[in-house]
Amino acid sequence: MASRAIKKPESWRAWTALAVFLILPQLPLSRWIVSDTSVADIVAYAKWLGTAAAILAWVTLVEKRPLHSIGIHRPGWDTLGWALVMTAALVASLMLSYALILPALGLELNRVATKSITDLSLVSQLALFVRAGVTEEILFRGYPIERLLELTRSKWIAAVVPGILFIAGHYLFWGVGQLIVVAFGTVIFTLFYLWRRDLICCMIAHILADLIGFTLARLQS
C-alpha cells in the first residue's frame, strides 16, 4: 500500500506535466499578446525556447533524471551518419509530396507562408531552423514519447499523440497542404527516434531538412 501511495502522485504529476508541455506550444500566444509582427516573432521565439528550457529543467530538477531519459546523449559519428540518412528520407518525402501527392489532391504549397521565410536573411533563416529543430524535437519527440511510453507502455500511444499535435500545430500558419508534408516528416522522425532513441540525431536532421527544403523553395520562386 505504501508503494502505491508514493507512485500515484508521481503519475499525476507526470500526466500534468505532459499535458502542459504538449498544449503550451499550440497556443497562439503571439496573436493574443501583441499585434506588431516583429514583436510577435519575439514572443513566438520566447514561447518555444522557454517551453523547451522548462522541459529540460523539469527533467533534471524536478524528476531528477538525466537528459538521456529523453534521448539526449553525447553525439558520436553514428549520430551524424544517421542524421544524414534521415535528412535524405525527409527531403525525398518533401519532393514526393510537392511533386505528386499535393497536385493529385488539388492542394499546393502555401506560397505566402513560404515567402515569409525565404525572404528572411540567411542568418535569420538559420536561427529559425535551429530553433525549430532543437525545440520541436524536445517538445514533440524526446520528452513526450519517452514519458508516454513509461506511463502507458504503448508505443502506439507514445508515437501517435505527440505526432498528431505536432502535425495539427502547423495548420494555422501553413494551411492544409503542409499537413501532408509534416505528416510524412512526423512518421520518419518518430520511427527513427523509437529505433535509435537519439534526439540529437533528430535535431540535426530536422535542421538540415528545413535548410534544404527552403533553399529549394527559394530557388524555385
N, C-alpha and C. Protein backbone atom coordinates (compact mmCIF):
# COMPACT_ATOMS: atom_id res chain seq x y z
N MET A 1 0.82 -1.21 0.00
CA MET A 1 0.00 0.00 0.00
C MET A 1 0.86 1.27 0.00
N ALA A 2 1.96 1.20 0.75
CA ALA A 2 2.83 2.39 0.83
C ALA A 2 3.42 2.74 -0.54
N SER A 3 3.82 1.70 -1.31
CA SER A 3 4.40 1.97 -2.62
C SER A 3 3.39 2.59 -3.56
N ARG A 4 2.12 2.16 -3.48
CA ARG A 4 1.08 2.76 -4.32
C ARG A 4 0.87 4.23 -3.95
N ALA A 5 0.91 4.52 -2.66
CA ALA A 5 0.69 5.89 -2.22
C ALA A 5 1.78 6.82 -2.75
N ILE A 6 2.97 6.25 -2.95
CA ILE A 6 4.06 7.06 -3.48
C ILE A 6 3.93 7.24 -4.99
N LYS A 7 3.56 6.19 -5.69
CA LYS A 7 3.54 6.22 -7.15
C LYS A 7 2.39 7.06 -7.71
N LYS A 8 1.26 7.06 -7.02
CA LYS A 8 0.08 7.74 -7.58
C LYS A 8 0.32 9.23 -7.82
N PRO A 9 0.81 10.00 -6.80
CA PRO A 9 1.06 11.42 -7.06
C PRO A 9 2.11 11.64 -8.15
N GLU A 10 3.11 10.75 -8.23
CA GLU A 10 4.11 10.90 -9.27
C GLU A 10 3.48 10.71 -10.65
N SER A 11 2.54 9.77 -10.76
CA SER A 11 1.86 9.55 -12.02
C SER A 11 1.04 10.77 -12.42
N TRP A 12 0.30 11.33 -11.45
CA TRP A 12 -0.49 12.52 -11.75
C TRP A 12 0.41 13.69 -12.12
N ARG A 13 1.53 13.80 -11.44
CA ARG A 13 2.47 14.88 -11.75
C ARG A 13 3.01 14.71 -13.17
N ALA A 14 3.32 13.49 -13.55
CA ALA A 14 3.84 13.23 -14.89
C ALA A 14 2.80 13.54 -15.95
N TRP A 15 1.55 13.13 -15.71
CA TRP A 15 0.48 13.41 -16.68
C TRP A 15 0.23 14.91 -16.79
N THR A 16 0.25 15.61 -15.66
CA THR A 16 0.03 17.06 -15.68
C THR A 16 1.13 17.77 -16.47
N ALA A 17 2.37 17.38 -16.21
CA ALA A 17 3.50 17.99 -16.94
C ALA A 17 3.38 17.72 -18.43
N LEU A 18 3.03 16.49 -18.79
CA LEU A 18 2.85 16.15 -20.21
C LEU A 18 1.79 17.03 -20.86
N ALA A 19 0.65 17.18 -20.19
CA ALA A 19 -0.44 17.98 -20.75
C ALA A 19 0.00 19.43 -20.95
N VAL A 20 0.67 19.99 -19.95
CA VAL A 20 1.11 21.39 -20.04
C VAL A 20 2.12 21.57 -21.16
N PHE A 21 3.11 20.68 -21.22
CA PHE A 21 4.18 20.84 -22.20
C PHE A 21 3.74 20.51 -23.63
N LEU A 22 2.67 19.72 -23.77
CA LEU A 22 2.15 19.43 -25.11
C LEU A 22 1.18 20.52 -25.60
N ILE A 23 0.43 21.10 -24.68
CA ILE A 23 -0.58 22.09 -25.06
C ILE A 23 0.02 23.48 -25.23
N LEU A 24 0.95 23.85 -24.35
CA LEU A 24 1.50 25.21 -24.38
C LEU A 24 2.04 25.63 -25.74
N PRO A 25 2.81 24.79 -26.44
CA PRO A 25 3.32 25.22 -27.75
C PRO A 25 2.23 25.46 -28.79
N GLN A 26 1.05 24.85 -28.60
CA GLN A 26 -0.02 25.01 -29.57
C GLN A 26 -0.77 26.34 -29.43
N LEU A 27 -0.61 26.99 -28.28
CA LEU A 27 -1.35 28.23 -28.03
C LEU A 27 -0.75 29.39 -28.83
N PRO A 28 -1.59 30.13 -29.57
CA PRO A 28 -1.08 31.27 -30.36
C PRO A 28 -0.83 32.49 -29.48
N LEU A 29 0.13 32.38 -28.58
CA LEU A 29 0.37 33.44 -27.61
C LEU A 29 0.74 34.75 -28.28
N SER A 30 1.50 34.68 -29.37
CA SER A 30 1.93 35.92 -30.03
C SER A 30 0.73 36.69 -30.57
N ARG A 31 -0.29 35.98 -31.04
CA ARG A 31 -1.50 36.65 -31.55
C ARG A 31 -2.34 37.22 -30.42
N TRP A 32 -2.31 36.57 -29.29
CA TRP A 32 -3.09 37.04 -28.15
C TRP A 32 -2.46 38.24 -27.46
N ILE A 33 -1.13 38.28 -27.44
CA ILE A 33 -0.43 39.27 -26.63
C ILE A 33 -0.15 40.55 -27.41
N VAL A 34 0.30 40.42 -28.66
CA VAL A 34 0.70 41.61 -29.43
C VAL A 34 0.16 41.53 -30.85
N SER A 35 0.10 42.70 -31.50
CA SER A 35 -0.33 42.76 -32.89
C SER A 35 0.83 43.10 -33.82
N ASP A 36 1.87 43.72 -33.29
CA ASP A 36 3.03 44.07 -34.09
C ASP A 36 3.77 42.80 -34.51
N THR A 37 4.03 42.64 -35.81
CA THR A 37 4.61 41.41 -36.33
C THR A 37 5.99 41.12 -35.76
N SER A 38 6.85 42.13 -35.70
CA SER A 38 8.21 41.92 -35.21
C SER A 38 8.21 41.50 -33.74
N VAL A 39 7.34 42.12 -32.95
CA VAL A 39 7.24 41.75 -31.53
C VAL A 39 6.62 40.38 -31.39
N ALA A 40 5.65 40.07 -32.25
CA ALA A 40 5.01 38.76 -32.21
C ALA A 40 6.01 37.65 -32.49
N ASP A 41 6.96 37.90 -33.38
CA ASP A 41 8.00 36.91 -33.68
C ASP A 41 8.86 36.65 -32.44
N ILE A 42 9.16 37.70 -31.70
CA ILE A 42 9.96 37.55 -30.49
C ILE A 42 9.20 36.74 -29.45
N VAL A 43 7.90 37.03 -29.32
CA VAL A 43 7.05 36.28 -28.37
C VAL A 43 7.01 34.81 -28.75
N ALA A 44 6.89 34.54 -30.05
CA ALA A 44 6.84 33.16 -30.52
C ALA A 44 8.15 32.43 -30.22
N TYR A 45 9.28 33.10 -30.48
CA TYR A 45 10.59 32.51 -30.16
C TYR A 45 10.69 32.21 -28.67
N ALA A 46 10.24 33.19 -27.85
CA ALA A 46 10.32 33.03 -26.39
C ALA A 46 9.46 31.86 -25.93
N LYS A 47 8.31 31.69 -26.57
CA LYS A 47 7.41 30.59 -26.18
C LYS A 47 8.07 29.25 -26.44
N TRP A 48 8.63 29.06 -27.63
CA TRP A 48 9.25 27.79 -27.98
C TRP A 48 10.49 27.52 -27.16
N LEU A 49 11.38 28.50 -27.07
CA LEU A 49 12.61 28.32 -26.31
C LEU A 49 12.32 28.15 -24.82
N GLY A 50 11.36 28.92 -24.32
CA GLY A 50 11.01 28.84 -22.91
C GLY A 50 10.41 27.50 -22.54
N THR A 51 9.53 26.97 -23.41
CA THR A 51 8.91 25.67 -23.13
C THR A 51 9.95 24.56 -23.17
N ALA A 52 10.84 24.60 -24.16
CA ALA A 52 11.89 23.58 -24.25
C ALA A 52 12.81 23.65 -23.04
N ALA A 53 13.17 24.87 -22.62
CA ALA A 53 14.02 25.03 -21.44
C ALA A 53 13.31 24.54 -20.19
N ALA A 54 12.00 24.78 -20.11
CA ALA A 54 11.22 24.33 -18.96
C ALA A 54 11.20 22.81 -18.88
N ILE A 55 11.13 22.15 -20.03
CA ILE A 55 11.16 20.68 -20.04
C ILE A 55 12.51 20.17 -19.53
N LEU A 56 13.59 20.76 -20.01
CA LEU A 56 14.92 20.34 -19.56
C LEU A 56 15.07 20.55 -18.06
N ALA A 57 14.56 21.69 -17.56
CA ALA A 57 14.63 21.97 -16.13
C ALA A 57 13.75 20.99 -15.35
N TRP A 58 12.57 20.68 -15.88
CA TRP A 58 11.66 19.74 -15.23
C TRP A 58 12.31 18.36 -15.10
N VAL A 59 12.90 17.91 -16.19
CA VAL A 59 13.52 16.57 -16.18
C VAL A 59 14.67 16.50 -15.19
N THR A 60 15.54 17.51 -15.20
CA THR A 60 16.75 17.45 -14.37
C THR A 60 16.51 17.87 -12.92
N LEU A 61 15.65 18.87 -12.69
CA LEU A 61 15.49 19.42 -11.34
C LEU A 61 14.30 18.84 -10.58
N VAL A 62 13.20 18.55 -11.28
CA VAL A 62 12.00 18.04 -10.61
C VAL A 62 11.98 16.51 -10.64
N GLU A 63 12.10 15.95 -11.85
CA GLU A 63 12.14 14.50 -11.96
C GLU A 63 13.46 13.93 -11.46
N LYS A 64 14.50 14.80 -11.47
CA LYS A 64 15.86 14.39 -11.06
C LYS A 64 16.35 13.20 -11.87
N ARG A 65 16.20 13.35 -13.18
CA ARG A 65 16.63 12.30 -14.09
C ARG A 65 17.61 12.88 -15.11
N PRO A 66 18.47 12.06 -15.66
CA PRO A 66 19.43 12.56 -16.67
C PRO A 66 18.74 12.87 -17.98
N LEU A 67 19.38 13.70 -18.79
CA LEU A 67 18.78 14.08 -20.07
C LEU A 67 18.70 12.91 -21.05
N HIS A 68 19.49 11.86 -20.83
CA HIS A 68 19.35 10.72 -21.74
C HIS A 68 18.03 9.99 -21.53
N SER A 69 17.29 10.36 -20.46
CA SER A 69 15.95 9.79 -20.27
C SER A 69 14.96 10.35 -21.28
N ILE A 70 15.36 11.43 -22.00
CA ILE A 70 14.53 11.94 -23.10
C ILE A 70 15.32 11.92 -24.41
N GLY A 71 16.31 11.04 -24.47
CA GLY A 71 17.02 10.81 -25.73
C GLY A 71 18.18 11.72 -26.04
N ILE A 72 18.60 12.56 -25.08
CA ILE A 72 19.71 13.47 -25.32
C ILE A 72 20.99 12.82 -24.81
N HIS A 73 21.79 12.32 -25.76
CA HIS A 73 23.05 11.66 -25.44
C HIS A 73 24.20 12.45 -26.07
N ARG A 74 25.41 12.14 -25.62
CA ARG A 74 26.58 12.73 -26.28
C ARG A 74 26.64 12.18 -27.70
N PRO A 75 26.66 13.08 -28.70
CA PRO A 75 26.65 12.59 -30.10
C PRO A 75 27.97 11.95 -30.51
N GLY A 76 27.86 10.97 -31.39
CA GLY A 76 29.04 10.33 -31.97
C GLY A 76 28.95 10.39 -33.48
N TRP A 77 29.90 9.72 -34.16
CA TRP A 77 29.87 9.73 -35.62
C TRP A 77 28.62 9.04 -36.16
N ASP A 78 28.10 8.05 -35.42
CA ASP A 78 26.87 7.40 -35.86
C ASP A 78 25.69 8.35 -35.81
N THR A 79 25.74 9.30 -34.87
CA THR A 79 24.68 10.32 -34.79
C THR A 79 24.61 11.12 -36.08
N LEU A 80 25.76 11.60 -36.54
CA LEU A 80 25.80 12.37 -37.79
C LEU A 80 25.42 11.51 -38.98
N GLY A 81 25.91 10.28 -39.00
CA GLY A 81 25.61 9.39 -40.13
C GLY A 81 24.13 9.13 -40.27
N TRP A 82 23.48 8.78 -39.17
CA TRP A 82 22.04 8.52 -39.23
C TRP A 82 21.24 9.79 -39.46
N ALA A 83 21.78 10.94 -39.00
CA ALA A 83 21.10 12.21 -39.27
C ALA A 83 21.08 12.49 -40.77
N LEU A 84 22.16 12.15 -41.46
CA LEU A 84 22.22 12.35 -42.91
C LEU A 84 21.25 11.40 -43.62
N VAL A 85 21.13 10.18 -43.12
CA VAL A 85 20.16 9.23 -43.69
C VAL A 85 18.74 9.77 -43.49
N MET A 86 18.44 10.27 -42.29
CA MET A 86 17.13 10.85 -42.02
C MET A 86 16.86 12.04 -42.92
N THR A 87 17.87 12.87 -43.08
CA THR A 87 17.71 14.07 -43.93
C THR A 87 17.35 13.67 -45.36
N ALA A 88 18.04 12.66 -45.89
CA ALA A 88 17.74 12.19 -47.24
C ALA A 88 16.30 11.69 -47.33
N ALA A 89 15.85 10.96 -46.31
CA ALA A 89 14.47 10.46 -46.31
C ALA A 89 13.47 11.60 -46.22
N LEU A 90 13.78 12.60 -45.41
CA LEU A 90 12.88 13.75 -45.26
C LEU A 90 12.79 14.56 -46.55
N VAL A 91 13.92 14.81 -47.19
CA VAL A 91 13.92 15.58 -48.44
C VAL A 91 13.19 14.79 -49.53
N ALA A 92 13.38 13.47 -49.57
CA ALA A 92 12.66 12.64 -50.55
C ALA A 92 11.16 12.72 -50.33
N SER A 93 10.72 12.68 -49.06
CA SER A 93 9.29 12.77 -48.78
C SER A 93 8.75 14.15 -49.14
N LEU A 94 9.58 15.17 -48.95
CA LEU A 94 9.20 16.53 -49.31
C LEU A 94 8.97 16.65 -50.81
N MET A 95 9.89 16.14 -51.59
CA MET A 95 9.78 16.22 -53.05
C MET A 95 8.62 15.39 -53.56
N LEU A 96 8.41 14.22 -52.96
CA LEU A 96 7.27 13.38 -53.35
C LEU A 96 5.95 14.09 -53.07
N SER A 97 5.87 14.74 -51.93
CA SER A 97 4.64 15.44 -51.54
C SER A 97 4.32 16.57 -52.51
N TYR A 98 5.33 17.41 -52.79
CA TYR A 98 5.07 18.58 -53.63
C TYR A 98 4.94 18.23 -55.11
N ALA A 99 5.62 17.19 -55.55
CA ALA A 99 5.59 16.85 -56.98
C ALA A 99 4.37 16.00 -57.34
N LEU A 100 3.94 15.12 -56.44
CA LEU A 100 2.89 14.17 -56.80
C LEU A 100 1.65 14.23 -55.91
N ILE A 101 1.85 14.15 -54.61
CA ILE A 101 0.69 13.97 -53.72
C ILE A 101 -0.17 15.22 -53.64
N LEU A 102 0.42 16.38 -53.40
CA LEU A 102 -0.37 17.61 -53.30
C LEU A 102 -1.11 17.93 -54.59
N PRO A 103 -0.45 17.86 -55.77
CA PRO A 103 -1.20 18.09 -57.02
C PRO A 103 -2.34 17.10 -57.22
N ALA A 104 -2.11 15.84 -56.84
CA ALA A 104 -3.16 14.83 -57.00
C ALA A 104 -4.37 15.13 -56.14
N LEU A 105 -4.15 15.78 -55.01
CA LEU A 105 -5.25 16.13 -54.09
C LEU A 105 -5.80 17.53 -54.34
N GLY A 106 -5.26 18.21 -55.32
CA GLY A 106 -5.72 19.56 -55.62
C GLY A 106 -5.23 20.59 -54.63
N LEU A 107 -4.12 20.29 -53.95
CA LEU A 107 -3.55 21.20 -52.96
C LEU A 107 -2.23 21.75 -53.49
N GLU A 108 -1.75 22.80 -52.85
CA GLU A 108 -0.47 23.37 -53.27
C GLU A 108 0.25 23.99 -52.08
N LEU A 109 1.49 24.33 -52.29
CA LEU A 109 2.33 24.96 -51.28
C LEU A 109 1.75 26.32 -50.89
N ASN A 110 1.76 26.61 -49.61
CA ASN A 110 1.34 27.93 -49.14
C ASN A 110 2.46 28.92 -49.47
N ARG A 111 2.33 29.58 -50.60
CA ARG A 111 3.41 30.42 -51.11
C ARG A 111 3.65 31.65 -50.24
N VAL A 112 2.58 32.18 -49.65
CA VAL A 112 2.74 33.36 -48.79
C VAL A 112 3.56 33.02 -47.55
N ALA A 113 3.22 31.89 -46.91
CA ALA A 113 3.95 31.46 -45.72
C ALA A 113 5.39 31.11 -46.06
N THR A 114 5.57 30.45 -47.20
CA THR A 114 6.92 30.08 -47.61
C THR A 114 7.76 31.31 -47.90
N LYS A 115 7.17 32.30 -48.58
CA LYS A 115 7.90 33.52 -48.92
C LYS A 115 8.30 34.30 -47.66
N SER A 116 7.45 34.23 -46.62
CA SER A 116 7.77 34.95 -45.39
C SER A 116 9.04 34.40 -44.75
N ILE A 117 9.40 33.17 -45.08
CA ILE A 117 10.62 32.57 -44.55
C ILE A 117 11.78 32.74 -45.53
N THR A 118 11.53 32.49 -46.81
CA THR A 118 12.61 32.60 -47.79
C THR A 118 13.08 34.05 -47.97
N ASP A 119 12.24 35.01 -47.62
CA ASP A 119 12.63 36.41 -47.72
C ASP A 119 13.53 36.85 -46.55
N LEU A 120 13.62 36.04 -45.52
CA LEU A 120 14.47 36.37 -44.39
C LEU A 120 15.94 36.29 -44.80
N SER A 121 16.78 36.97 -44.05
CA SER A 121 18.22 36.87 -44.30
C SER A 121 18.67 35.45 -43.96
N LEU A 122 19.83 35.07 -44.48
CA LEU A 122 20.34 33.73 -44.23
C LEU A 122 20.52 33.48 -42.74
N VAL A 123 21.03 34.48 -42.01
CA VAL A 123 21.23 34.33 -40.57
C VAL A 123 19.90 34.11 -39.86
N SER A 124 18.89 34.88 -40.24
CA SER A 124 17.57 34.73 -39.62
C SER A 124 16.96 33.37 -39.93
N GLN A 125 17.15 32.91 -41.16
CA GLN A 125 16.65 31.59 -41.52
C GLN A 125 17.33 30.50 -40.70
N LEU A 126 18.64 30.58 -40.58
CA LEU A 126 19.38 29.58 -39.81
C LEU A 126 18.94 29.58 -38.36
N ALA A 127 18.72 30.78 -37.80
CA ALA A 127 18.25 30.87 -36.42
C ALA A 127 16.88 30.21 -36.27
N LEU A 128 16.02 30.43 -37.26
CA LEU A 128 14.68 29.84 -37.25
C LEU A 128 14.76 28.32 -37.33
N PHE A 129 15.60 27.82 -38.23
CA PHE A 129 15.70 26.37 -38.42
C PHE A 129 16.30 25.68 -37.19
N VAL A 130 17.30 26.32 -36.59
CA VAL A 130 17.90 25.75 -35.38
C VAL A 130 16.89 25.76 -34.24
N ARG A 131 16.18 26.86 -34.09
CA ARG A 131 15.15 26.93 -33.04
C ARG A 131 14.12 25.84 -33.23
N ALA A 132 13.64 25.68 -34.47
CA ALA A 132 12.62 24.67 -34.75
C ALA A 132 13.17 23.27 -34.53
N GLY A 133 14.36 23.01 -35.06
CA GLY A 133 14.92 21.68 -34.95
C GLY A 133 15.17 21.25 -33.52
N VAL A 134 15.68 22.15 -32.71
CA VAL A 134 16.00 21.81 -31.33
C VAL A 134 14.75 21.73 -30.46
N THR A 135 13.95 22.79 -30.47
CA THR A 135 12.80 22.83 -29.55
C THR A 135 11.71 21.84 -29.92
N GLU A 136 11.41 21.72 -31.21
CA GLU A 136 10.32 20.83 -31.61
C GLU A 136 10.65 19.36 -31.37
N GLU A 137 11.91 19.01 -31.48
CA GLU A 137 12.29 17.62 -31.19
C GLU A 137 12.20 17.32 -29.69
N ILE A 138 12.52 18.30 -28.86
CA ILE A 138 12.35 18.11 -27.42
C ILE A 138 10.87 18.03 -27.06
N LEU A 139 10.08 18.95 -27.63
CA LEU A 139 8.67 19.06 -27.25
C LEU A 139 7.80 17.94 -27.80
N PHE A 140 8.11 17.46 -29.02
CA PHE A 140 7.20 16.53 -29.67
C PHE A 140 7.78 15.14 -29.92
N ARG A 141 9.04 14.95 -29.61
CA ARG A 141 9.62 13.63 -29.78
C ARG A 141 10.18 13.12 -28.45
N GLY A 142 11.35 13.62 -28.06
CA GLY A 142 12.03 13.04 -26.91
C GLY A 142 11.22 12.96 -25.64
N TYR A 143 10.78 14.12 -25.14
CA TYR A 143 10.09 14.13 -23.85
C TYR A 143 8.75 13.39 -23.87
N PRO A 144 7.81 13.73 -24.77
CA PRO A 144 6.51 13.07 -24.70
C PRO A 144 6.55 11.59 -25.07
N ILE A 145 7.36 11.21 -26.04
CA ILE A 145 7.42 9.81 -26.42
C ILE A 145 7.94 8.96 -25.25
N GLU A 146 9.02 9.41 -24.61
CA GLU A 146 9.59 8.64 -23.51
C GLU A 146 8.63 8.56 -22.32
N ARG A 147 8.00 9.68 -21.98
CA ARG A 147 7.14 9.66 -20.80
C ARG A 147 5.83 8.92 -21.07
N LEU A 148 5.29 9.04 -22.27
CA LEU A 148 4.09 8.28 -22.60
C LEU A 148 4.37 6.78 -22.66
N LEU A 149 5.55 6.43 -23.12
CA LEU A 149 5.95 5.01 -23.10
C LEU A 149 5.97 4.48 -21.67
N GLU A 150 6.51 5.28 -20.76
CA GLU A 150 6.58 4.85 -19.37
C GLU A 150 5.20 4.77 -18.73
N LEU A 151 4.34 5.73 -19.05
CA LEU A 151 3.03 5.81 -18.40
C LEU A 151 2.02 4.83 -18.99
N THR A 152 2.09 4.58 -20.29
CA THR A 152 1.07 3.76 -20.95
C THR A 152 1.58 2.39 -21.39
N ARG A 153 2.90 2.24 -21.50
CA ARG A 153 3.51 1.01 -22.02
C ARG A 153 3.08 0.72 -23.46
N SER A 154 2.67 1.75 -24.18
CA SER A 154 2.20 1.58 -25.55
C SER A 154 3.00 2.46 -26.50
N LYS A 155 3.70 1.83 -27.44
CA LYS A 155 4.43 2.60 -28.44
C LYS A 155 3.48 3.36 -29.36
N TRP A 156 2.30 2.80 -29.61
CA TRP A 156 1.33 3.46 -30.46
C TRP A 156 0.88 4.78 -29.86
N ILE A 157 0.51 4.75 -28.57
CA ILE A 157 0.08 5.98 -27.91
C ILE A 157 1.22 6.98 -27.85
N ALA A 158 2.41 6.50 -27.49
CA ALA A 158 3.57 7.38 -27.38
C ALA A 158 3.93 8.02 -28.71
N ALA A 159 3.68 7.33 -29.80
CA ALA A 159 4.00 7.86 -31.13
C ALA A 159 2.89 8.75 -31.67
N VAL A 160 1.65 8.31 -31.52
CA VAL A 160 0.53 8.98 -32.18
C VAL A 160 0.13 10.28 -31.52
N VAL A 161 0.07 10.33 -30.19
CA VAL A 161 -0.42 11.53 -29.51
C VAL A 161 0.44 12.76 -29.81
N PRO A 162 1.75 12.73 -29.52
CA PRO A 162 2.54 13.92 -29.87
C PRO A 162 2.65 14.14 -31.37
N GLY A 163 2.58 13.05 -32.15
CA GLY A 163 2.64 13.19 -33.60
C GLY A 163 1.46 13.98 -34.15
N ILE A 164 0.26 13.66 -33.68
CA ILE A 164 -0.94 14.37 -34.13
C ILE A 164 -0.87 15.84 -33.73
N LEU A 165 -0.44 16.11 -32.50
CA LEU A 165 -0.33 17.50 -32.05
C LEU A 165 0.70 18.27 -32.85
N PHE A 166 1.80 17.61 -33.19
CA PHE A 166 2.85 18.25 -34.00
C PHE A 166 2.31 18.60 -35.38
N ILE A 167 1.61 17.68 -35.99
CA ILE A 167 1.04 17.92 -37.33
C ILE A 167 -0.01 19.03 -37.27
N ALA A 168 -0.92 18.93 -36.31
CA ALA A 168 -2.01 19.91 -36.21
C ALA A 168 -1.48 21.31 -35.93
N GLY A 169 -0.36 21.39 -35.20
CA GLY A 169 0.19 22.70 -34.86
C GLY A 169 0.67 23.50 -36.06
N HIS A 170 0.85 22.84 -37.20
CA HIS A 170 1.30 23.54 -38.41
C HIS A 170 0.13 24.13 -39.21
N TYR A 171 -1.09 23.83 -38.83
CA TYR A 171 -2.23 24.23 -39.66
C TYR A 171 -2.41 25.75 -39.72
N LEU A 172 -2.38 26.43 -38.57
CA LEU A 172 -2.69 27.85 -38.54
C LEU A 172 -1.78 28.67 -39.45
N PHE A 173 -0.50 28.35 -39.47
CA PHE A 173 0.44 29.13 -40.27
C PHE A 173 0.53 28.65 -41.71
N TRP A 174 0.43 27.32 -41.91
CA TRP A 174 0.70 26.75 -43.22
C TRP A 174 -0.53 26.32 -44.01
N GLY A 175 -1.63 26.00 -43.36
CA GLY A 175 -2.81 25.51 -44.08
C GLY A 175 -2.79 24.01 -44.28
N VAL A 176 -3.77 23.51 -45.03
CA VAL A 176 -3.98 22.07 -45.15
C VAL A 176 -2.86 21.36 -45.91
N GLY A 177 -2.40 21.95 -47.00
CA GLY A 177 -1.41 21.28 -47.84
C GLY A 177 -0.16 20.87 -47.08
N GLN A 178 0.32 21.76 -46.21
CA GLN A 178 1.55 21.48 -45.49
C GLN A 178 1.39 20.32 -44.50
N LEU A 179 0.15 20.03 -44.10
CA LEU A 179 -0.07 18.94 -43.14
C LEU A 179 0.36 17.60 -43.73
N ILE A 180 0.21 17.46 -45.06
CA ILE A 180 0.65 16.23 -45.72
C ILE A 180 2.16 16.08 -45.58
N VAL A 181 2.87 17.17 -45.85
CA VAL A 181 4.33 17.17 -45.78
C VAL A 181 4.79 16.88 -44.35
N VAL A 182 4.17 17.56 -43.39
CA VAL A 182 4.55 17.39 -41.99
C VAL A 182 4.22 15.98 -41.50
N ALA A 183 3.14 15.41 -42.00
CA ALA A 183 2.77 14.05 -41.60
C ALA A 183 3.84 13.05 -42.02
N PHE A 184 4.34 13.19 -43.25
CA PHE A 184 5.44 12.32 -43.70
C PHE A 184 6.66 12.49 -42.80
N GLY A 185 7.01 13.73 -42.52
CA GLY A 185 8.16 14.00 -41.66
C GLY A 185 7.98 13.44 -40.27
N THR A 186 6.77 13.56 -39.73
CA THR A 186 6.49 13.05 -38.39
C THR A 186 6.68 11.54 -38.32
N VAL A 187 6.22 10.84 -39.33
CA VAL A 187 6.40 9.38 -39.36
C VAL A 187 7.89 9.03 -39.38
N ILE A 188 8.66 9.73 -40.20
CA ILE A 188 10.09 9.45 -40.30
C ILE A 188 10.80 9.75 -38.97
N PHE A 189 10.53 10.93 -38.40
CA PHE A 189 11.15 11.29 -37.13
C PHE A 189 10.80 10.29 -36.03
N THR A 190 9.52 9.94 -35.95
CA THR A 190 9.06 9.06 -34.87
C THR A 190 9.66 7.67 -34.98
N LEU A 191 9.66 7.12 -36.19
CA LEU A 191 10.22 5.78 -36.38
C LEU A 191 11.72 5.76 -36.06
N PHE A 192 12.44 6.76 -36.54
CA PHE A 192 13.87 6.82 -36.25
C PHE A 192 14.12 6.98 -34.76
N TYR A 193 13.30 7.83 -34.11
CA TYR A 193 13.52 8.03 -32.68
C TYR A 193 13.23 6.76 -31.89
N LEU A 194 12.14 6.10 -32.18
CA LEU A 194 11.81 4.87 -31.47
C LEU A 194 12.88 3.80 -31.69
N TRP A 195 13.51 3.84 -32.85
CA TRP A 195 14.56 2.86 -33.15
C TRP A 195 15.88 3.22 -32.50
N ARG A 196 16.32 4.48 -32.69
CA ARG A 196 17.65 4.88 -32.25
C ARG A 196 17.68 5.51 -30.86
N ARG A 197 16.56 6.11 -30.43
CA ARG A 197 16.49 6.83 -29.15
C ARG A 197 17.59 7.91 -29.09
N ASP A 198 17.78 8.61 -30.19
CA ASP A 198 18.84 9.62 -30.31
C ASP A 198 18.21 10.93 -30.75
N LEU A 199 17.93 11.80 -29.77
CA LEU A 199 17.24 13.05 -30.08
C LEU A 199 18.16 14.03 -30.81
N ILE A 200 19.46 14.01 -30.51
CA ILE A 200 20.40 14.89 -31.22
C ILE A 200 20.38 14.57 -32.71
N CYS A 201 20.30 13.29 -33.04
CA CYS A 201 20.21 12.86 -34.44
C CYS A 201 18.98 13.47 -35.11
N CYS A 202 17.85 13.43 -34.41
CA CYS A 202 16.62 14.00 -34.95
C CYS A 202 16.74 15.52 -35.12
N MET A 203 17.38 16.18 -34.17
CA MET A 203 17.55 17.63 -34.25
C MET A 203 18.37 18.02 -35.48
N ILE A 204 19.49 17.31 -35.69
CA ILE A 204 20.35 17.62 -36.84
C ILE A 204 19.60 17.42 -38.14
N ALA A 205 18.88 16.29 -38.25
CA ALA A 205 18.13 16.01 -39.47
C ALA A 205 17.04 17.04 -39.69
N HIS A 206 16.38 17.46 -38.63
CA HIS A 206 15.31 18.47 -38.72
C HIS A 206 15.87 19.78 -39.27
N ILE A 207 16.99 20.21 -38.73
CA ILE A 207 17.62 21.47 -39.17
C ILE A 207 18.05 21.38 -40.64
N LEU A 208 18.71 20.29 -40.99
CA LEU A 208 19.20 20.13 -42.36
C LEU A 208 18.06 20.03 -43.36
N ALA A 209 17.00 19.30 -43.01
CA ALA A 209 15.86 19.15 -43.92
C ALA A 209 15.17 20.49 -44.15
N ASP A 210 15.02 21.28 -43.08
CA ASP A 210 14.42 22.62 -43.24
C ASP A 210 15.30 23.49 -44.13
N LEU A 211 16.59 23.43 -43.88
CA LEU A 211 17.52 24.26 -44.66
C LEU A 211 17.47 23.90 -46.14
N ILE A 212 17.51 22.61 -46.44
CA ILE A 212 17.47 22.16 -47.84
C ILE A 212 16.11 22.47 -48.47
N GLY A 213 15.05 22.18 -47.73
CA GLY A 213 13.70 22.40 -48.26
C GLY A 213 13.45 23.85 -48.62
N PHE A 214 13.82 24.76 -47.74
CA PHE A 214 13.55 26.18 -48.03
C PHE A 214 14.56 26.76 -49.01
N THR A 215 15.74 26.17 -49.10
CA THR A 215 16.67 26.58 -50.15
C THR A 215 16.10 26.23 -51.52
N LEU A 216 15.55 25.03 -51.64
CA LEU A 216 14.91 24.62 -52.90
C LEU A 216 13.72 25.53 -53.22
N ALA A 217 12.95 25.88 -52.18
CA ALA A 217 11.79 26.77 -52.39
C ALA A 217 12.23 28.14 -52.88
N ARG A 218 13.34 28.62 -52.31
CA ARG A 218 13.87 29.93 -52.74
C ARG A 218 14.32 29.89 -54.20
N LEU A 219 14.96 28.80 -54.61
CA LEU A 219 15.45 28.67 -55.98
C LEU A 219 14.31 28.60 -56.99
N GLN A 220 13.18 28.05 -56.55
CA GLN A 220 12.04 27.88 -57.46
C GLN A 220 11.17 29.14 -57.52
N SER A 221 11.36 30.06 -56.59
CA SER A 221 10.50 31.26 -56.55
C SER A 221 10.98 32.29 -57.58
